C-alpha cells in the first residue's frame, strides 16, 4: 500500500494494488497543475484508492484530448493529488509527487510518456518508456 498527502498534510490518500499505467505527461494541463514542465502519474483502480483524511476541492476542465477531466486538490495548500475522467473509467490518476514513501516513488518509474511533442527540449525522454 502506498500513502500520500498534500503539502500541508490536510488531505491524505492511500492506494493498494498495482497501477494500471505509469506515465509522464507533457500536456499543458499537467504542466499547469504540477507547476513543472511535466507531471508523473500512476493510473490506479478506483476500488483500491481511498481518501483517508480531509475533503479535496475539485475543478473540471476540457483537456488537450478534448475530454473533460476533474482535478482534486487541497483547498488550503493547493496541491493536486489526483484526477479522474471518463477517458479513464473506474480509475484515478494519482500524481506521483504526493507519495510519501521513497520506495513507492522509485517503483513509479514511467513506462510511457504522453504528449511528447510538447516536451521541452532540455528534458530528456525516460529511458525505455514508450513515446506517445
Foldseek 3Di string as FASTA:
>chain_A
DWKFAFPVRQKIKDFDDAFPFWEKEQFPVQCVLVVHRIFIWTKGALVRMDTPGDAWDKDWDQGPVRFIKIWTAHPPPSHTAWMDGPVRPRIIIGGLVRTDDVVSSVVSQGQAYYPVVNRDPVDDDRPNHHYD
